[in-house]
């Protein structure tokens, strides 16, 4: 039984690592995509975004996490 339990823990760790990899790659893609786009902002008359790079990066991570199902990335992990 110990081997079965250890195997289950190893599988969970692999799944967790895969989920983190997917989040990383998707967030990176969204950040790269944001460089190509400009958006008008409510407080600006120009068409360029005034968002700081850190805001875009953080938003990209949140969007990447949101598109994963709770099975792939449980809510308790999202809170970490």
C-alpha atoms as a PDB file:
ATOM      1  CA  UNK A   1       0.000   0.000   0.000  1.00  0.00           C
ATOM      2  CA  UNK A   2       2.867   2.353   0.689  1.00  0.00           C
ATOM      3  CA  UNK A   3       4.142   1.980  -2.873  1.00  0.00           C
ATOM      4  CA  UNK A   4       0.670   2.692  -4.247  1.00  0.00           C
ATOM      5  CA  UNK A   5       0.405   5.801  -2.071  1.00  0.00           C
ATOM      6  CA  UNK A   6       3.860   6.975  -3.119  1.00  0.00           C
ATOM      7  CA  UNK A   7       2.951   6.431  -6.763  1.00  0.00           C
ATOM      8  CA  UNK A   8      -0.192   8.500  -6.277  1.00  0.00           C
ATOM      9  CA  UNK A   9       1.826  11.318  -4.697  1.00  0.00           C
ATOM     10  CA  UNK A  10       4.337  11.153  -7.562  1.00  0.00           C
ATOM     11  CA  UNK A  11       1.501  11.367 -10.100  1.00  0.00           C
ATOM     12  CA  UNK A  12      -0.007  14.339  -8.285  1.00  0.00           C
ATOM     13  CA  UNK A  13       3.388  16.064  -8.264  1.00  0.00           C
ATOM     14  CA  UNK A  14       3.795  15.430 -12.009  1.00  0.00           C
ATOM     15  CA  UNK A  15       0.293  16.774 -12.664  1.00  0.00           C
ATOM     16  CA  UNK A  16       1.046  19.840 -10.566  1.00  0.00           C
ATOM     17  CA  UNK A  17       4.314  20.474 -12.419  1.00  0.00           C
ATOM     18  CA  UNK A  18       2.524  20.090 -15.756  1.00  0.00           C
ATOM     19  CA  UNK A  19      -0.143  22.589 -14.669  1.00  0.00           C
ATOM     20  CA  UNK A  20       2.531  25.084 -13.633  1.00  0.00           C
ATOM     21  CA  UNK A  21       4.267  24.620 -16.975  1.00  0.00           C
ATOM     22  CA  UNK A  22       1.009  25.263 -18.860  1.00  0.00           C
ATOM     23  CA  UNK A  23       0.346  28.398 -16.778  1.00  0.00           C
ATOM     24  CA  UNK A  24       3.877  29.643 -17.441  1.00  0.00           C
ATOM     25  CA  UNK A  25       3.695  29.070 -21.195  1.00  0.00           C
ATOM     26  CA  UNK A  26       0.208  30.541 -21.570  1.00  0.00           C
ATOM     27  CA  UNK A  27       1.075  33.598 -19.459  1.00  0.00           C
ATOM     28  CA  UNK A  28       4.242  34.111 -21.476  1.00  0.00           C
ATOM     29  CA  UNK A  29       2.269  33.924 -24.710  1.00  0.00           C
ATOM     30  CA  UNK A  30      -0.287  36.441 -23.416  1.00  0.00           C
ATOM     31  CA  UNK A  31       2.495  38.822 -22.369  1.00  0.00           C
ATOM     32  CA  UNK A  32       4.098  38.535 -25.798  1.00  0.00           C
ATOM     33  CA  UNK A  33       0.740  39.080 -27.458  1.00  0.00           C
ATOM     34  CA  UNK A  34       0.108  42.205 -25.387  1.00  0.00           C
ATOM     35  CA  UNK A  35       3.208  43.810 -26.889  1.00  0.00           C
ATOM     36  CA  UNK A  36       1.521  43.675 -30.300  1.00  0.00           C
ATOM     37  CA  UNK A  37      -1.703  45.271 -29.113  1.00  0.00           C
ATOM     38  CA  UNK A  38      -2.644  48.733 -27.983  1.00  0.00           C
ATOM     39  CA  UNK A  39      -5.802  49.657 -26.135  1.00  0.00           C
ATOM     40  CA  UNK A  40      -7.328  53.031 -25.417  1.00  0.00           C
ATOM     41  CA  UNK A  41      -7.592  53.678 -21.702  1.00  0.00           C
ATOM     42  CA  UNK A  42     -10.346  55.556 -19.917  1.00  0.00           C
ATOM     43  CA  UNK A  43      -7.946  58.173 -18.564  1.00  0.00           C
ATOM     44  CA  UNK A  44      -6.004  58.745 -21.782  1.00  0.00           C
ATOM     45  CA  UNK A  45      -6.818  60.086 -25.214  1.00  0.00           C
ATOM     46  CA  UNK A  46      -3.953  58.203 -26.861  1.00  0.00           C
ATOM     47  CA  UNK A  47      -4.348  54.705 -28.234  1.00  0.00           C
ATOM     48  CA  UNK A  48      -1.394  53.298 -26.332  1.00  0.00           C
ATOM     49  CA  UNK A  49      -1.862  51.390 -23.157  1.00  0.00           C
ATOM     50  CA  UNK A  50      -0.597  52.941 -19.933  1.00  0.00           C
ATOM     51  CA  UNK A  51      -0.438  49.613 -18.147  1.00  0.00           C
ATOM     52  CA  UNK A  52       2.846  48.791 -16.472  1.00  0.00           C
ATOM     53  CA  UNK A  53       4.598  45.598 -17.597  1.00  0.00           C
ATOM     54  CA  UNK A  54       4.051  44.110 -14.141  1.00  0.00           C
ATOM     55  CA  UNK A  55       0.288  44.663 -14.468  1.00  0.00           C
ATOM     56  CA  UNK A  56       0.239  42.934 -17.835  1.00  0.00           C
ATOM     57  CA  UNK A  57       2.315  40.037 -16.492  1.00  0.00           C
ATOM     58  CA  UNK A  58       0.102  39.618 -13.419  1.00  0.00           C
ATOM     59  CA  UNK A  59      -3.051  39.762 -15.542  1.00  0.00           C
ATOM     60  CA  UNK A  60      -1.587  37.179 -17.897  1.00  0.00           C
ATOM     61  CA  UNK A  61      -0.937  34.766 -15.027  1.00  0.00           C
ATOM     62  CA  UNK A  62      -4.480  35.262 -13.694  1.00  0.00           C
ATOM     63  CA  UNK A  63      -6.007  34.601 -17.127  1.00  0.00           C
ATOM     64  CA  UNK A  64      -3.800  31.538 -17.613  1.00  0.00           C
ATOM     65  CA  UNK A  65      -4.903  30.160 -14.236  1.00  0.00           C
ATOM     66  CA  UNK A  66      -8.548  30.907 -14.979  1.00  0.00           C
ATOM     67  CA  UNK A  67      -8.640  28.840 -18.171  1.00  0.00           C
ATOM     68  CA  UNK A  68      -7.393  25.707 -16.416  1.00  0.00           C
ATOM     69  CA  UNK A  69     -10.089  23.451 -15.035  1.00  0.00           C
ATOM     70  CA  UNK A  70     -10.290  22.831 -11.277  1.00  0.00           C
ATOM     71  CA  UNK A  71      -9.124  19.260 -11.950  1.00  0.00           C
ATOM     72  CA  UNK A  72      -5.950  20.533 -13.593  1.00  0.00           C
ATOM     73  CA  UNK A  73      -5.364  23.270 -11.025  1.00  0.00           C
ATOM     74  CA  UNK A  74      -7.370  22.863  -7.801  1.00  0.00           C
ATOM     75  CA  UNK A  75      -8.654  26.011  -6.119  1.00  0.00           C
ATOM     76  CA  UNK A  76      -6.480  25.470  -3.047  1.00  0.00           C
ATOM     77  CA  UNK A  77      -3.391  25.522  -5.289  1.00  0.00           C
ATOM     78  CA  UNK A  78      -4.598  28.735  -6.951  1.00  0.00           C
ATOM     79  CA  UNK A  79      -4.722  30.380  -3.539  1.00  0.00           C
ATOM     80  CA  UNK A  80      -1.057  29.590  -2.868  1.00  0.00           C
END
